[in-house]
N, C-alpha and C. Protein backbone atom coordinates (compact mmCIF):
# COMPACT_ATOMS: atom_id res chain seq x y z
N MET A 1 -18.89 -2.11 0.13
CA MET A 1 -17.49 -1.87 0.15
C MET A 1 -17.33 -0.23 0.31
N GLY A 2 -16.48 0.05 1.37
CA GLY A 2 -16.18 1.34 1.82
C GLY A 2 -15.38 2.01 0.83
N LEU A 3 -14.95 3.26 1.12
CA LEU A 3 -14.02 4.05 0.31
C LEU A 3 -12.65 3.34 0.14
N ASP A 4 -12.22 2.71 1.35
CA ASP A 4 -10.85 2.11 1.37
C ASP A 4 -10.87 0.84 0.41
N GLY A 5 -12.03 0.15 0.36
CA GLY A 5 -11.99 -0.91 -0.57
C GLY A 5 -12.01 -0.47 -2.07
N LEU A 6 -12.63 0.60 -2.35
CA LEU A 6 -12.59 1.18 -3.81
C LEU A 6 -11.34 1.66 -4.11
N TRP A 7 -10.43 2.30 -3.10
CA TRP A 7 -9.11 2.69 -3.30
C TRP A 7 -8.22 1.42 -3.49
N ARG A 8 -8.50 0.42 -2.68
CA ARG A 8 -7.45 -0.63 -2.90
C ARG A 8 -7.86 -1.47 -4.17
N ARG A 9 -9.02 -1.50 -4.68
CA ARG A 9 -9.28 -2.12 -5.97
C ARG A 9 -8.50 -1.28 -7.09
N ARG A 10 -8.48 -0.03 -6.97
CA ARG A 10 -7.72 0.79 -7.99
C ARG A 10 -6.33 0.60 -7.96
N ALA A 11 -5.70 0.52 -6.77
CA ALA A 11 -4.32 0.30 -6.31
C ALA A 11 -3.92 -1.10 -7.05
N VAL A 12 -4.78 -2.20 -6.78
CA VAL A 12 -4.49 -3.43 -7.51
C VAL A 12 -4.53 -3.42 -8.91
N ALA A 13 -5.33 -2.44 -9.51
CA ALA A 13 -5.54 -2.51 -10.95
C ALA A 13 -4.23 -1.74 -11.57
N ARG A 14 -3.66 -0.92 -10.79
CA ARG A 14 -2.34 -0.15 -11.02
C ARG A 14 -1.28 -1.16 -11.01
N LEU A 15 -1.20 -2.04 -10.11
CA LEU A 15 -0.25 -3.28 -9.87
C LEU A 15 -0.27 -4.21 -11.15
N ASP A 16 -1.53 -4.33 -11.74
CA ASP A 16 -1.78 -5.18 -12.91
C ASP A 16 -1.12 -6.60 -12.73
N PRO A 17 -1.61 -7.41 -11.77
CA PRO A 17 -0.99 -8.67 -11.52
C PRO A 17 -1.30 -9.62 -12.63
N GLN A 18 -0.27 -10.61 -12.78
CA GLN A 18 -0.14 -11.40 -13.92
C GLN A 18 -0.14 -12.88 -13.54
N PRO A 19 -0.62 -13.87 -14.20
CA PRO A 19 -0.71 -15.27 -13.72
C PRO A 19 0.76 -15.60 -13.73
N GLY A 20 1.22 -16.58 -12.79
CA GLY A 20 2.49 -16.96 -12.73
C GLY A 20 3.51 -16.09 -11.97
N HIS A 21 3.07 -14.87 -11.71
CA HIS A 21 3.99 -13.89 -11.00
C HIS A 21 3.85 -14.04 -9.45
N VAL A 22 4.69 -13.63 -8.65
CA VAL A 22 4.73 -13.52 -7.32
C VAL A 22 4.83 -12.12 -6.65
N TYR A 23 3.91 -11.86 -5.81
CA TYR A 23 3.88 -10.51 -5.32
C TYR A 23 3.90 -10.45 -3.74
N LEU A 24 4.25 -9.34 -3.22
CA LEU A 24 4.17 -9.13 -1.83
C LEU A 24 3.30 -8.08 -1.59
N ASP A 25 2.43 -8.26 -0.44
CA ASP A 25 1.55 -7.31 0.21
C ASP A 25 2.07 -6.94 1.56
N ALA A 26 2.83 -5.69 1.44
CA ALA A 26 3.64 -5.28 2.74
C ALA A 26 2.72 -4.51 3.61
N GLY A 27 2.57 -4.95 4.83
CA GLY A 27 1.56 -4.38 5.84
C GLY A 27 0.20 -4.85 5.49
N CYS A 28 0.03 -6.05 5.11
CA CYS A 28 -1.26 -6.56 4.65
C CYS A 28 -2.48 -6.36 5.50
N GLY A 29 -2.26 -6.15 6.87
CA GLY A 29 -3.37 -6.04 7.72
C GLY A 29 -4.17 -7.35 7.69
N THR A 30 -5.50 -7.17 7.40
CA THR A 30 -6.39 -8.40 7.49
C THR A 30 -6.70 -8.98 6.05
N GLY A 31 -5.77 -8.49 5.02
CA GLY A 31 -5.73 -9.25 3.82
C GLY A 31 -6.67 -8.67 2.78
N ASP A 32 -7.18 -7.53 2.88
CA ASP A 32 -8.13 -6.99 1.88
C ASP A 32 -7.50 -7.00 0.40
N ALA A 33 -6.26 -6.21 0.36
CA ALA A 33 -5.65 -5.98 -1.00
C ALA A 33 -5.06 -7.30 -1.38
N SER A 34 -4.74 -8.27 -0.54
CA SER A 34 -4.22 -9.62 -1.01
C SER A 34 -5.37 -10.26 -1.73
N ILE A 35 -6.51 -10.41 -1.16
CA ILE A 35 -7.61 -11.02 -1.71
C ILE A 35 -7.94 -10.49 -3.01
N LEU A 36 -8.02 -9.23 -3.11
CA LEU A 36 -8.41 -8.40 -4.35
C LEU A 36 -7.49 -8.92 -5.37
N LEU A 37 -6.26 -8.77 -5.03
CA LEU A 37 -5.10 -9.01 -6.05
C LEU A 37 -5.34 -10.48 -6.60
N ALA A 38 -5.36 -11.48 -5.67
CA ALA A 38 -5.51 -12.81 -6.14
C ALA A 38 -6.80 -13.10 -6.92
N LYS A 39 -7.78 -12.42 -6.60
CA LYS A 39 -8.99 -12.57 -7.52
C LYS A 39 -8.88 -12.09 -8.80
N ARG A 40 -8.01 -10.95 -8.83
CA ARG A 40 -7.97 -10.36 -10.16
C ARG A 40 -7.10 -11.16 -11.03
N SER A 41 -6.08 -11.92 -10.60
CA SER A 41 -5.27 -12.61 -11.38
C SER A 41 -5.07 -14.06 -10.60
N PRO A 42 -5.95 -15.06 -10.81
CA PRO A 42 -6.08 -16.23 -10.20
C PRO A 42 -4.80 -17.07 -10.18
N GLY A 43 -3.95 -16.91 -11.19
CA GLY A 43 -2.87 -17.70 -11.27
C GLY A 43 -1.51 -17.23 -10.62
N CYS A 44 -1.74 -16.17 -10.09
CA CYS A 44 -0.53 -15.56 -9.38
C CYS A 44 -0.50 -16.03 -7.82
N LYS A 45 0.75 -15.72 -7.33
CA LYS A 45 1.03 -16.10 -5.88
C LYS A 45 1.32 -14.85 -5.08
N LEU A 46 0.95 -14.78 -3.87
CA LEU A 46 1.18 -13.63 -3.02
C LEU A 46 1.41 -14.12 -1.70
N ILE A 47 2.37 -13.22 -1.09
CA ILE A 47 2.69 -13.30 0.38
C ILE A 47 2.31 -11.97 1.10
N GLY A 48 1.61 -12.07 2.01
CA GLY A 48 1.34 -10.85 2.90
C GLY A 48 2.24 -10.97 4.16
N ILE A 49 2.60 -9.85 4.56
CA ILE A 49 3.25 -9.61 5.81
C ILE A 49 2.83 -8.48 6.70
N ASP A 50 2.63 -8.71 7.96
CA ASP A 50 2.36 -7.73 8.77
C ASP A 50 2.73 -8.05 10.24
N PRO A 51 3.17 -6.93 10.95
CA PRO A 51 3.57 -7.20 12.35
C PRO A 51 2.65 -7.55 13.36
N SER A 52 1.33 -7.55 13.01
CA SER A 52 0.22 -7.85 13.93
C SER A 52 -0.27 -9.25 13.69
N GLN A 53 0.05 -10.21 14.68
CA GLN A 53 -0.40 -11.62 14.62
C GLN A 53 -1.85 -11.65 14.64
N ALA A 54 -2.59 -10.72 15.36
CA ALA A 54 -3.99 -10.69 15.36
C ALA A 54 -4.68 -10.44 13.95
N MET A 55 -4.06 -9.49 13.35
CA MET A 55 -4.57 -9.17 12.04
C MET A 55 -4.28 -10.35 11.05
N LEU A 56 -3.19 -10.98 11.14
CA LEU A 56 -2.84 -12.14 10.32
C LEU A 56 -3.83 -13.18 10.47
N ARG A 57 -4.16 -13.37 11.79
CA ARG A 57 -5.15 -14.53 11.93
C ARG A 57 -6.55 -14.14 11.24
N ILE A 58 -6.95 -12.90 11.50
CA ILE A 58 -8.18 -12.54 10.69
C ILE A 58 -7.99 -12.60 9.20
N GLY A 59 -6.89 -12.12 8.66
CA GLY A 59 -6.53 -12.20 7.31
C GLY A 59 -6.71 -13.70 6.76
N MET A 60 -5.95 -14.58 7.42
CA MET A 60 -6.11 -15.97 6.98
C MET A 60 -7.39 -16.64 6.97
N SER A 61 -8.18 -16.26 7.98
CA SER A 61 -9.59 -16.70 7.98
C SER A 61 -10.25 -16.21 6.73
N LYS A 62 -10.12 -14.95 6.36
CA LYS A 62 -10.71 -14.45 5.32
C LYS A 62 -10.35 -15.09 4.02
N VAL A 63 -9.00 -15.38 3.90
CA VAL A 63 -8.34 -16.13 2.87
C VAL A 63 -9.01 -17.41 2.70
N GLU A 64 -9.23 -18.14 3.77
CA GLU A 64 -9.75 -19.45 3.66
C GLU A 64 -11.27 -19.42 3.19
N LYS A 65 -12.01 -18.45 3.68
CA LYS A 65 -13.41 -18.41 3.35
C LYS A 65 -13.44 -17.77 1.83
N ALA A 66 -12.58 -17.20 1.14
CA ALA A 66 -12.49 -16.74 -0.18
C ALA A 66 -11.89 -17.87 -1.08
N GLY A 67 -11.46 -19.06 -0.43
CA GLY A 67 -10.97 -20.25 -1.19
C GLY A 67 -9.67 -20.00 -1.85
N LEU A 68 -8.83 -19.09 -1.20
CA LEU A 68 -7.60 -18.63 -2.03
C LEU A 68 -6.24 -18.97 -1.18
N VAL A 69 -6.38 -20.24 -0.37
CA VAL A 69 -5.21 -20.63 0.37
C VAL A 69 -4.09 -21.17 -0.43
N GLU A 70 -4.47 -21.51 -1.74
CA GLU A 70 -3.38 -22.02 -2.58
C GLU A 70 -2.59 -20.80 -3.23
N ASN A 71 -3.24 -19.61 -3.17
CA ASN A 71 -2.62 -18.35 -3.82
C ASN A 71 -2.11 -17.50 -2.78
N ILE A 72 -2.52 -17.46 -1.54
CA ILE A 72 -2.12 -16.49 -0.57
C ILE A 72 -1.52 -17.04 0.58
N SER A 73 -0.30 -16.65 1.08
CA SER A 73 0.11 -16.90 2.31
C SER A 73 0.46 -15.77 3.27
N MET A 74 0.44 -15.77 4.46
CA MET A 74 0.68 -14.55 5.31
C MET A 74 1.56 -15.06 6.39
N LEU A 75 2.54 -14.02 6.67
CA LEU A 75 3.69 -14.28 7.62
C LEU A 75 3.77 -12.90 8.55
N PRO A 76 4.31 -13.11 9.72
CA PRO A 76 4.71 -11.93 10.38
C PRO A 76 6.00 -11.27 9.76
N GLY A 77 5.75 -10.07 9.72
CA GLY A 77 6.97 -9.37 9.21
C GLY A 77 6.93 -7.82 9.34
N ASN A 78 7.92 -7.23 9.05
CA ASN A 78 8.24 -5.73 9.30
C ASN A 78 8.83 -5.15 7.87
N VAL A 79 8.22 -4.19 7.41
CA VAL A 79 8.63 -3.69 6.11
C VAL A 79 9.98 -2.99 6.24
N LEU A 80 10.52 -2.71 7.43
CA LEU A 80 11.95 -2.17 7.66
C LEU A 80 12.96 -3.23 7.66
N ASP A 81 12.56 -4.48 7.80
CA ASP A 81 13.47 -5.60 7.71
C ASP A 81 12.93 -6.75 7.04
N LEU A 82 12.68 -6.71 5.74
CA LEU A 82 12.06 -7.78 5.16
C LEU A 82 12.92 -9.06 5.00
N GLN A 83 12.35 -10.16 5.41
CA GLN A 83 13.12 -11.50 5.45
C GLN A 83 13.11 -12.25 4.20
N PHE A 84 13.42 -11.57 3.10
CA PHE A 84 13.24 -12.22 1.95
C PHE A 84 14.67 -11.99 0.97
N PRO A 85 14.92 -12.77 0.04
CA PRO A 85 16.12 -12.65 -0.70
C PRO A 85 15.94 -11.36 -1.60
N ASP A 86 17.09 -10.91 -2.13
CA ASP A 86 16.84 -9.88 -3.09
C ASP A 86 16.09 -10.22 -4.43
N LYS A 87 15.44 -9.45 -5.04
CA LYS A 87 14.92 -9.64 -6.37
C LYS A 87 13.90 -10.92 -6.47
N ILE A 88 13.16 -11.00 -5.44
CA ILE A 88 12.24 -12.22 -5.41
C ILE A 88 10.85 -11.94 -5.90
N PHE A 89 10.38 -10.78 -5.78
CA PHE A 89 8.94 -10.46 -6.17
C PHE A 89 8.84 -9.69 -7.51
N ASP A 90 7.76 -10.00 -8.29
CA ASP A 90 7.52 -9.39 -9.47
C ASP A 90 6.87 -8.08 -9.28
N GLY A 91 6.30 -7.76 -8.07
CA GLY A 91 5.61 -6.53 -7.59
C GLY A 91 5.39 -6.46 -6.07
N VAL A 92 5.14 -5.30 -5.64
CA VAL A 92 4.72 -5.10 -4.24
C VAL A 92 3.59 -3.97 -4.19
N ILE A 93 2.66 -4.45 -3.31
CA ILE A 93 1.61 -3.44 -3.06
C ILE A 93 1.59 -3.13 -1.46
N THR A 94 1.56 -1.95 -1.11
CA THR A 94 1.29 -1.52 0.37
C THR A 94 0.29 -0.64 0.51
N ALA A 95 -0.65 -0.84 1.41
CA ALA A 95 -1.80 0.15 1.54
C ALA A 95 -1.92 0.50 2.85
N PHE A 96 -1.91 1.80 3.08
CA PHE A 96 -2.02 2.50 4.39
C PHE A 96 -0.94 2.10 5.38
N CYS A 97 0.23 1.70 4.91
CA CYS A 97 1.17 1.24 5.81
C CYS A 97 2.41 2.30 5.91
N ILE A 98 2.97 2.80 4.77
CA ILE A 98 4.10 3.69 4.80
C ILE A 98 4.01 4.88 5.75
N ARG A 99 2.78 5.42 5.84
CA ARG A 99 2.58 6.59 6.57
C ARG A 99 2.87 6.39 8.05
N ASN A 100 2.76 5.16 8.52
CA ASN A 100 3.00 4.93 9.85
C ASN A 100 4.28 4.18 10.20
N VAL A 101 5.30 4.22 9.25
CA VAL A 101 6.59 3.64 9.37
C VAL A 101 7.49 4.70 9.94
N THR A 102 8.25 4.38 10.77
CA THR A 102 9.29 5.26 11.56
C THR A 102 10.43 5.78 10.48
N ASP A 103 10.77 4.92 9.73
CA ASP A 103 12.00 5.24 8.75
C ASP A 103 11.58 4.98 7.31
N ARG A 104 10.81 5.83 6.59
CA ARG A 104 10.17 5.62 5.38
C ARG A 104 11.40 5.38 4.32
N MET A 105 12.47 6.08 4.33
CA MET A 105 13.40 5.83 3.31
C MET A 105 13.96 4.31 3.44
N ARG A 106 14.15 3.92 4.65
CA ARG A 106 14.63 2.49 4.84
C ARG A 106 13.59 1.47 4.24
N ALA A 107 12.34 1.81 4.54
CA ALA A 107 11.17 0.93 4.00
C ALA A 107 11.25 0.91 2.50
N LEU A 108 11.51 2.14 1.80
CA LEU A 108 11.41 2.14 0.33
C LEU A 108 12.72 1.43 -0.18
N ALA A 109 13.91 1.43 0.58
CA ALA A 109 15.07 0.79 0.07
C ALA A 109 14.91 -0.82 0.21
N GLU A 110 14.20 -1.20 1.39
CA GLU A 110 13.83 -2.69 1.51
C GLU A 110 12.91 -3.05 0.39
N LEU A 111 11.84 -2.27 0.17
CA LEU A 111 11.02 -2.81 -0.90
C LEU A 111 11.59 -2.78 -2.40
N ARG A 112 12.38 -1.75 -2.59
CA ARG A 112 13.37 -1.70 -3.83
C ARG A 112 14.14 -3.09 -3.81
N ARG A 113 14.87 -3.35 -2.84
CA ARG A 113 15.61 -4.45 -2.83
C ARG A 113 15.03 -5.92 -3.20
N VAL A 114 13.69 -6.02 -2.78
CA VAL A 114 13.10 -7.41 -2.99
C VAL A 114 12.19 -7.38 -4.34
N ILE A 115 12.30 -6.42 -5.09
CA ILE A 115 11.62 -6.47 -6.39
C ILE A 115 12.52 -6.66 -7.53
N ARG A 116 11.99 -7.56 -8.29
CA ARG A 116 13.06 -8.01 -9.59
C ARG A 116 12.97 -6.82 -10.57
N PRO A 117 13.99 -6.77 -11.35
CA PRO A 117 14.11 -5.85 -12.53
C PRO A 117 12.84 -5.80 -13.34
N GLY A 118 12.38 -4.71 -13.41
CA GLY A 118 11.10 -4.60 -14.31
C GLY A 118 9.90 -4.65 -13.42
N GLY A 119 9.99 -4.82 -12.23
CA GLY A 119 8.89 -5.02 -11.33
C GLY A 119 8.55 -3.67 -10.91
N VAL A 120 7.25 -3.67 -10.23
CA VAL A 120 6.57 -2.41 -9.84
C VAL A 120 6.24 -2.33 -8.48
N LEU A 121 6.35 -1.17 -7.81
CA LEU A 121 5.79 -0.94 -6.54
C LEU A 121 4.59 -0.05 -6.53
N VAL A 122 3.56 -0.44 -5.81
CA VAL A 122 2.32 0.39 -5.86
C VAL A 122 2.05 0.82 -4.28
N ILE A 123 2.12 2.00 -3.98
CA ILE A 123 1.71 2.56 -2.60
C ILE A 123 0.44 3.11 -2.46
N LEU A 124 -0.54 2.91 -1.64
CA LEU A 124 -1.81 3.43 -1.42
C LEU A 124 -1.58 4.01 -0.10
N GLU A 125 -1.84 5.43 -0.08
CA GLU A 125 -1.78 6.09 1.14
C GLU A 125 -2.70 7.21 1.32
N LEU A 126 -3.02 7.54 2.60
CA LEU A 126 -3.93 8.65 3.02
C LEU A 126 -2.86 9.87 3.15
N ILE A 127 -3.22 11.07 2.51
CA ILE A 127 -2.36 12.14 2.77
C ILE A 127 -3.30 13.43 2.83
N GLN A 128 -2.64 14.68 3.32
CA GLN A 128 -3.46 15.80 3.20
C GLN A 128 -3.66 16.22 1.85
N PRO A 129 -4.70 16.62 1.42
CA PRO A 129 -4.95 16.93 0.01
C PRO A 129 -4.44 18.19 -0.37
N ASP A 130 -4.11 18.47 -1.78
CA ASP A 130 -3.56 19.73 -2.28
C ASP A 130 -4.81 20.45 -2.75
N GLY A 131 -4.44 21.73 -3.46
CA GLY A 131 -5.40 22.51 -4.02
C GLY A 131 -6.58 23.04 -3.12
N VAL A 132 -7.84 23.22 -3.67
CA VAL A 132 -8.79 23.81 -2.91
C VAL A 132 -9.27 22.93 -1.65
N MET A 133 -8.82 21.56 -1.85
CA MET A 133 -9.21 20.84 -0.60
C MET A 133 -8.18 21.11 0.65
N LYS A 134 -7.03 21.61 0.41
CA LYS A 134 -6.06 21.70 1.42
C LYS A 134 -6.51 22.58 2.45
N PRO A 135 -6.90 23.92 2.42
CA PRO A 135 -7.47 24.70 3.33
C PRO A 135 -8.78 24.21 4.04
N LEU A 136 -9.57 23.55 3.41
CA LEU A 136 -10.70 22.92 3.83
C LEU A 136 -10.30 21.89 4.81
N PHE A 137 -9.32 20.99 4.43
CA PHE A 137 -8.83 19.87 5.05
C PHE A 137 -8.35 20.45 6.66
N ARG A 138 -7.66 21.51 6.51
CA ARG A 138 -7.00 22.04 7.76
C ARG A 138 -8.10 22.64 8.80
N LEU A 139 -9.06 23.36 7.96
CA LEU A 139 -10.18 24.02 8.72
C LEU A 139 -11.13 23.23 9.27
N TYR A 140 -11.51 22.20 8.55
CA TYR A 140 -12.66 21.34 9.08
C TYR A 140 -12.18 19.94 9.30
N SER A 141 -10.95 19.71 9.64
CA SER A 141 -10.59 18.28 9.84
C SER A 141 -11.28 17.61 11.04
N LYS A 142 -11.80 18.41 11.89
CA LYS A 142 -12.77 17.69 13.01
C LYS A 142 -14.10 17.37 12.48
N VAL A 143 -14.45 17.92 11.25
CA VAL A 143 -15.81 17.44 10.68
C VAL A 143 -15.43 16.39 9.58
N VAL A 144 -14.39 16.73 8.71
CA VAL A 144 -14.19 16.01 7.51
C VAL A 144 -13.67 14.53 7.93
N MET A 145 -12.73 14.47 8.97
CA MET A 145 -12.18 13.11 9.24
C MET A 145 -13.12 12.21 9.92
N PRO A 146 -13.98 12.53 10.74
CA PRO A 146 -15.13 11.71 11.24
C PRO A 146 -15.92 11.09 9.98
N LEU A 147 -16.24 11.99 8.97
CA LEU A 147 -16.86 11.60 7.98
C LEU A 147 -16.08 10.46 7.06
N VAL A 148 -14.95 10.68 6.83
CA VAL A 148 -14.12 9.83 6.11
C VAL A 148 -13.91 8.43 6.92
N THR A 149 -13.71 8.45 8.24
CA THR A 149 -13.60 7.29 8.96
C THR A 149 -15.01 6.59 9.02
N ALA A 150 -16.02 7.23 9.00
CA ALA A 150 -17.31 6.50 8.97
C ALA A 150 -17.68 5.84 7.70
N LEU A 151 -16.93 6.45 6.53
CA LEU A 151 -17.09 5.80 5.14
C LEU A 151 -16.08 4.58 4.98
N MET A 152 -15.01 4.43 5.80
CA MET A 152 -14.11 3.52 5.61
C MET A 152 -14.46 2.39 6.46
N SER A 153 -13.93 1.23 6.34
CA SER A 153 -14.32 -0.04 7.03
C SER A 153 -13.54 -0.18 8.29
N SER A 154 -12.11 0.21 8.24
CA SER A 154 -11.24 0.08 9.24
C SER A 154 -10.08 1.00 9.22
N VAL A 155 -10.05 2.00 10.22
CA VAL A 155 -9.07 3.06 10.19
C VAL A 155 -8.78 3.26 11.69
N PRO A 156 -7.56 3.92 12.05
CA PRO A 156 -7.33 4.34 13.34
C PRO A 156 -8.23 5.40 13.86
N ALA A 157 -7.98 5.94 15.16
CA ALA A 157 -8.92 6.94 15.49
C ALA A 157 -8.61 8.21 14.50
N TYR A 158 -9.59 9.07 14.36
CA TYR A 158 -9.63 10.14 13.21
C TYR A 158 -8.62 11.22 13.64
N ARG A 159 -8.39 11.42 14.94
CA ARG A 159 -7.34 12.46 15.39
C ARG A 159 -5.97 11.97 15.08
N TYR A 160 -5.65 10.79 15.30
CA TYR A 160 -4.29 10.41 14.81
C TYR A 160 -4.18 10.31 13.27
N LEU A 161 -5.28 9.93 12.61
CA LEU A 161 -5.46 9.74 11.14
C LEU A 161 -5.13 11.19 10.49
N SER A 162 -5.88 12.22 11.05
CA SER A 162 -5.55 13.59 10.49
C SER A 162 -4.21 14.10 10.69
N ASP A 163 -3.52 13.82 11.96
CA ASP A 163 -2.28 14.24 12.11
C ASP A 163 -1.25 13.47 11.25
N SER A 164 -1.40 12.20 11.09
CA SER A 164 -0.40 11.51 10.24
C SER A 164 -0.62 11.84 8.85
N MET A 165 -1.76 12.05 8.44
CA MET A 165 -1.98 12.53 6.97
C MET A 165 -1.18 13.79 6.71
N ALA A 166 -1.34 14.82 7.67
CA ALA A 166 -0.69 16.06 7.52
C ALA A 166 0.80 15.95 7.56
N ASP A 167 1.38 15.00 8.29
CA ASP A 167 2.78 14.70 8.43
C ASP A 167 3.45 13.99 7.18
N PHE A 168 2.54 13.32 6.28
CA PHE A 168 3.14 12.70 5.20
C PHE A 168 3.67 13.63 4.20
N PRO A 169 4.88 13.23 3.58
CA PRO A 169 5.31 14.26 2.47
C PRO A 169 4.36 14.56 1.37
N ARG A 170 4.57 15.76 0.81
CA ARG A 170 3.79 16.19 -0.26
C ARG A 170 4.03 15.11 -1.44
N PRO A 171 3.01 15.08 -2.41
CA PRO A 171 3.10 14.07 -3.44
C PRO A 171 4.48 14.20 -4.26
N GLU A 172 4.93 15.47 -4.58
CA GLU A 172 6.07 15.67 -5.44
C GLU A 172 7.38 15.19 -4.60
N GLU A 173 7.26 15.47 -3.25
CA GLU A 173 8.36 15.16 -2.40
C GLU A 173 8.59 13.63 -2.26
N TRP A 174 7.31 12.92 -2.20
CA TRP A 174 7.38 11.64 -1.96
C TRP A 174 7.86 10.78 -3.23
N LEU A 175 7.48 11.33 -4.33
CA LEU A 175 8.01 10.80 -5.62
C LEU A 175 9.55 10.92 -5.72
N ARG A 176 10.02 11.95 -5.24
CA ARG A 176 11.49 12.22 -5.25
C ARG A 176 12.12 11.18 -4.30
N PHE A 177 11.56 10.89 -3.16
CA PHE A 177 12.18 10.03 -2.09
C PHE A 177 12.04 8.67 -3.02
N MET A 178 11.14 8.28 -3.75
CA MET A 178 11.01 6.98 -4.43
C MET A 178 12.19 6.90 -5.42
N GLU A 179 12.26 7.98 -5.96
CA GLU A 179 13.47 7.96 -7.12
C GLU A 179 14.71 7.94 -6.41
N GLU A 180 15.05 8.48 -5.35
CA GLU A 180 16.24 8.48 -4.45
C GLU A 180 16.49 7.04 -4.04
N ALA A 181 15.43 6.20 -3.90
CA ALA A 181 15.53 4.88 -3.44
C ALA A 181 15.75 3.86 -4.70
N GLY A 182 15.78 4.41 -5.79
CA GLY A 182 16.01 3.68 -7.11
C GLY A 182 14.90 3.35 -7.89
N PHE A 183 13.89 3.86 -7.58
CA PHE A 183 12.60 3.56 -8.58
C PHE A 183 12.63 4.63 -9.64
N THR A 184 12.00 4.17 -10.81
CA THR A 184 12.00 5.04 -12.10
C THR A 184 10.59 5.04 -12.48
N ASN A 185 10.41 5.98 -13.54
CA ASN A 185 8.97 6.18 -13.96
C ASN A 185 7.93 6.32 -12.92
N THR A 186 8.23 7.13 -11.90
CA THR A 186 7.23 7.36 -10.80
C THR A 186 6.19 8.12 -11.26
N GLU A 187 5.12 8.02 -10.48
CA GLU A 187 3.89 8.66 -10.85
C GLU A 187 2.80 8.66 -9.61
N THR A 188 1.95 9.55 -9.67
CA THR A 188 0.98 9.66 -8.59
C THR A 188 -0.36 9.84 -9.25
N GLU A 189 -1.41 9.23 -8.44
CA GLU A 189 -2.75 9.37 -8.93
C GLU A 189 -3.61 9.76 -7.67
N PRO A 190 -4.20 10.90 -7.75
CA PRO A 190 -5.19 11.43 -6.59
C PRO A 190 -6.45 10.53 -6.68
N LEU A 191 -7.02 10.31 -5.37
CA LEU A 191 -8.25 9.59 -5.35
C LEU A 191 -9.19 10.37 -4.33
N THR A 192 -10.47 10.59 -4.67
CA THR A 192 -11.39 11.14 -3.91
C THR A 192 -10.95 12.56 -3.50
N GLY A 193 -10.68 13.43 -4.31
CA GLY A 193 -10.15 14.85 -4.10
C GLY A 193 -8.77 14.88 -3.57
N GLY A 194 -7.99 13.94 -3.59
CA GLY A 194 -6.70 13.91 -3.17
C GLY A 194 -6.40 13.44 -1.67
N ILE A 195 -7.55 13.00 -1.05
CA ILE A 195 -7.54 12.58 0.49
C ILE A 195 -6.70 11.32 0.40
N SER A 196 -6.85 10.52 -0.75
CA SER A 196 -6.12 9.25 -0.83
C SER A 196 -5.21 9.38 -2.20
N ARG A 197 -4.09 8.77 -2.30
CA ARG A 197 -3.26 8.74 -3.42
C ARG A 197 -2.48 7.36 -3.66
N ILE A 198 -2.42 7.15 -4.91
CA ILE A 198 -1.58 6.02 -5.32
C ILE A 198 -0.31 6.45 -5.80
N PHE A 199 0.75 5.87 -5.43
CA PHE A 199 2.11 6.18 -5.86
C PHE A 199 2.63 4.95 -6.56
N VAL A 200 3.16 5.10 -7.84
CA VAL A 200 3.76 3.94 -8.50
C VAL A 200 5.22 4.30 -8.98
N GLY A 201 5.92 3.16 -8.83
CA GLY A 201 7.38 3.23 -9.12
C GLY A 201 7.72 1.94 -9.81
N ARG A 202 8.90 2.01 -10.78
CA ARG A 202 9.41 0.69 -11.24
C ARG A 202 10.81 0.60 -10.84
N VAL A 203 11.35 -0.76 -10.95
CA VAL A 203 12.61 -1.03 -10.78
C VAL A 203 13.12 -1.20 -12.09
N PRO A 204 14.27 -0.59 -12.51
CA PRO A 204 14.76 -0.49 -13.76
C PRO A 204 15.13 -1.90 -14.35
N THR A 205 14.92 -2.34 -15.58
CA THR A 205 15.20 -3.59 -16.12
C THR A 205 16.79 -3.83 -16.10
N LEU A 206 17.47 -2.77 -16.39
CA LEU A 206 18.91 -2.90 -16.30
C LEU A 206 19.24 -2.25 -15.06
N GLN A 207 19.90 -2.99 -14.15
CA GLN A 207 20.44 -2.45 -12.90
C GLN A 207 21.47 -1.42 -12.97
N ARG A 208 21.31 -0.46 -12.05
CA ARG A 208 22.35 0.62 -12.06
C ARG A 208 23.80 0.23 -11.41
């Protein structure tokens, strides 16, 4: 398992899936997070969406091999325009997706819309690290990023990865965006020196 697998496993743990609950994997790709989630809580149901039909085909093949067809379904979809009713999911996980979205606030609003009161959103994303890692990241990105991509099982070209990580909002700013979208009890957890981060937010039990 590469670094991305370890990060996904931690994100799934933060979601804490429960039997009988229904979850969305937004930007599911080839289904790695979906499969981890379903294995952690065999009694839950999960829908994965992704705009790439090719990735969905690979994902469903992996789901079949894992024996999880009864738990996981995958559909074409876009996080900017979720084709689901309001308040239908107990939680949402999205891994390495939001960074690539053209309208991040709209994506947050859509994710907020489909989560039931008391539900949770878990975002796993790659960002430019803070602290002592920040100048090292900027100075040695041409060295660091090839190493990161070598350790991960599937990522875009490292040049785009480096640029998009630097473009993503700082952790405190992103938490503020989540709060503006209606999430409460927001928090973030750095992983691997802050190269990756988990962001967590909840939908209030009592609607505003």
